[in-house]
Structure formats: structure tokens, C-alpha cells
Amino acid sequence: MDIDELHAAQVRWRAEQAASLQAYLRRSTNPEAVVDPNWPIIPTAE
């Protein structure tokens, strides 16, 4: 795996982890929970 493939995989893994955490939070504690899937740069709100 080269550096570009590693980075793409890390972005994908972060999005998958965020989706899983959001689903868990919505099931267990907060039905409106939102987990930001962006990585490594989180965009600012405009």
C-alpha cells in the first residue's frame, strides 16, 4: 500500500467509524446525534 492508498483508506475508515458511532448514539442516547465524518480536514461552516 503506497501513501496515497493509505490516506484514502484512512479517510474511508474515518467515515465508516463516524457512521457507526452516529448510529450507536442515535440508538442509545440521542436520536438527533450527528458525528462529523470528515477527516483529516474538517470544513468550517460558512
N, C-alpha and C. Protein backbone atom coordinates (compact mmCIF):
# COMPACT_ATOMS: atom_id res chain seq x y z
N MET A 1 0.86 -1.17 0.00
CA MET A 1 0.00 0.00 0.00
C MET A 1 0.91 1.23 0.00
N ASP A 2 0.70 2.10 -0.98
CA ASP A 2 1.50 3.33 -1.00
C ASP A 2 0.82 4.41 -0.16
N ILE A 3 1.47 5.55 -0.06
CA ILE A 3 1.00 6.62 0.84
C ILE A 3 -0.38 7.15 0.42
N ASP A 4 -0.62 7.25 -0.89
CA ASP A 4 -1.92 7.74 -1.36
C ASP A 4 -3.04 6.74 -1.03
N GLU A 5 -2.75 5.46 -1.19
CA GLU A 5 -3.73 4.43 -0.86
C GLU A 5 -4.01 4.41 0.65
N LEU A 6 -2.95 4.58 1.44
CA LEU A 6 -3.12 4.63 2.89
C LEU A 6 -4.01 5.80 3.29
N HIS A 7 -3.75 6.96 2.72
CA HIS A 7 -4.55 8.14 3.05
C HIS A 7 -6.02 7.92 2.66
N ALA A 8 -6.26 7.39 1.47
CA ALA A 8 -7.63 7.12 1.03
C ALA A 8 -8.31 6.14 1.98
N ALA A 9 -7.58 5.13 2.42
CA ALA A 9 -8.14 4.15 3.35
C ALA A 9 -8.46 4.80 4.69
N GLN A 10 -7.59 5.68 5.18
CA GLN A 10 -7.84 6.36 6.44
C GLN A 10 -9.08 7.25 6.36
N VAL A 11 -9.26 7.93 5.25
CA VAL A 11 -10.46 8.76 5.05
C VAL A 11 -11.70 7.87 5.09
N ARG A 12 -11.64 6.75 4.38
CA ARG A 12 -12.76 5.80 4.33
C ARG A 12 -13.05 5.22 5.72
N TRP A 13 -11.99 4.82 6.42
CA TRP A 13 -12.17 4.24 7.76
C TRP A 13 -12.79 5.25 8.72
N ARG A 14 -12.37 6.49 8.64
CA ARG A 14 -12.93 7.54 9.50
C ARG A 14 -14.42 7.71 9.22
N ALA A 15 -14.80 7.74 7.95
CA ALA A 15 -16.21 7.89 7.59
C ALA A 15 -17.03 6.71 8.10
N GLU A 16 -16.50 5.50 7.97
CA GLU A 16 -17.20 4.31 8.46
C GLU A 16 -17.34 4.34 9.98
N GLN A 17 -16.27 4.74 10.68
CA GLN A 17 -16.30 4.80 12.14
C GLN A 17 -17.30 5.86 12.60
N ALA A 18 -17.33 6.99 11.93
CA ALA A 18 -18.26 8.06 12.29
C ALA A 18 -19.70 7.62 12.08
N ALA A 19 -19.97 6.93 10.99
CA ALA A 19 -21.32 6.44 10.72
C ALA A 19 -21.75 5.44 11.78
N SER A 20 -20.84 4.57 12.18
CA SER A 20 -21.14 3.58 13.21
C SER A 20 -21.40 4.24 14.56
N LEU A 21 -20.56 5.20 14.93
CA LEU A 21 -20.75 5.90 16.19
C LEU A 21 -22.06 6.68 16.18
N GLN A 22 -22.37 7.33 15.08
CA GLN A 22 -23.62 8.09 14.99
C GLN A 22 -24.82 7.16 15.14
N ALA A 23 -24.79 6.02 14.49
CA ALA A 23 -25.89 5.05 14.61
C ALA A 23 -26.04 4.59 16.05
N TYR A 24 -24.92 4.30 16.71
CA TYR A 24 -24.96 3.88 18.11
C TYR A 24 -25.56 4.98 18.99
N LEU A 25 -25.07 6.20 18.83
CA LEU A 25 -25.58 7.30 19.66
C LEU A 25 -27.07 7.53 19.43
N ARG A 26 -27.50 7.42 18.18
CA ARG A 26 -28.92 7.62 17.88
C ARG A 26 -29.78 6.52 18.48
N ARG A 27 -29.25 5.31 18.54
CA ARG A 27 -30.00 4.20 19.15
C ARG A 27 -30.04 4.31 20.67
N SER A 28 -28.94 4.76 21.26
CA SER A 28 -28.80 4.63 22.71
C SER A 28 -29.05 5.90 23.51
N THR A 29 -28.62 7.05 23.04
CA THR A 29 -28.71 8.23 23.90
C THR A 29 -29.35 9.45 23.28
N ASN A 30 -29.09 9.68 21.99
CA ASN A 30 -29.56 10.92 21.38
C ASN A 30 -30.00 10.66 19.95
N PRO A 31 -31.31 10.61 19.70
CA PRO A 31 -31.80 10.30 18.36
C PRO A 31 -31.41 11.34 17.30
N GLU A 32 -30.90 12.48 17.74
CA GLU A 32 -30.51 13.53 16.79
C GLU A 32 -28.99 13.70 16.70
N ALA A 33 -28.23 12.78 17.26
CA ALA A 33 -26.77 12.88 17.27
C ALA A 33 -26.21 12.95 15.85
N VAL A 34 -25.20 13.79 15.69
CA VAL A 34 -24.51 13.92 14.40
C VAL A 34 -23.01 13.83 14.67
N VAL A 35 -22.35 12.92 13.98
CA VAL A 35 -20.90 12.76 14.09
C VAL A 35 -20.30 13.13 12.74
N ASP A 36 -19.40 14.09 12.75
CA ASP A 36 -18.78 14.58 11.52
C ASP A 36 -17.87 13.51 10.92
N PRO A 37 -18.12 13.09 9.68
CA PRO A 37 -17.30 12.04 9.06
C PRO A 37 -16.04 12.56 8.38
N ASN A 38 -15.86 13.86 8.35
CA ASN A 38 -14.73 14.44 7.62
C ASN A 38 -13.41 14.22 8.35
N TRP A 39 -12.38 13.94 7.56
CA TRP A 39 -11.03 13.79 8.06
C TRP A 39 -10.08 13.84 6.88
N PRO A 40 -8.94 14.38 6.95
CA PRO A 40 -8.26 14.96 8.09
C PRO A 40 -8.61 16.42 8.31
N ILE A 41 -9.28 17.04 7.35
CA ILE A 41 -9.63 18.45 7.48
C ILE A 41 -11.14 18.55 7.63
N ILE A 42 -11.57 19.18 8.70
CA ILE A 42 -12.99 19.38 8.94
C ILE A 42 -13.36 20.76 8.41
N PRO A 43 -14.26 20.81 7.42
CA PRO A 43 -14.61 22.11 6.84
C PRO A 43 -15.31 23.02 7.85
N THR A 44 -15.12 24.30 7.69
CA THR A 44 -15.81 25.27 8.54
C THR A 44 -17.16 25.60 7.95
N ALA A 45 -18.09 25.97 8.81
CA ALA A 45 -19.41 26.39 8.34
C ALA A 45 -19.29 27.79 7.75
N GLU A 46 -19.95 27.99 6.64
CA GLU A 46 -19.91 29.32 6.02
C GLU A 46 -21.23 30.02 6.16
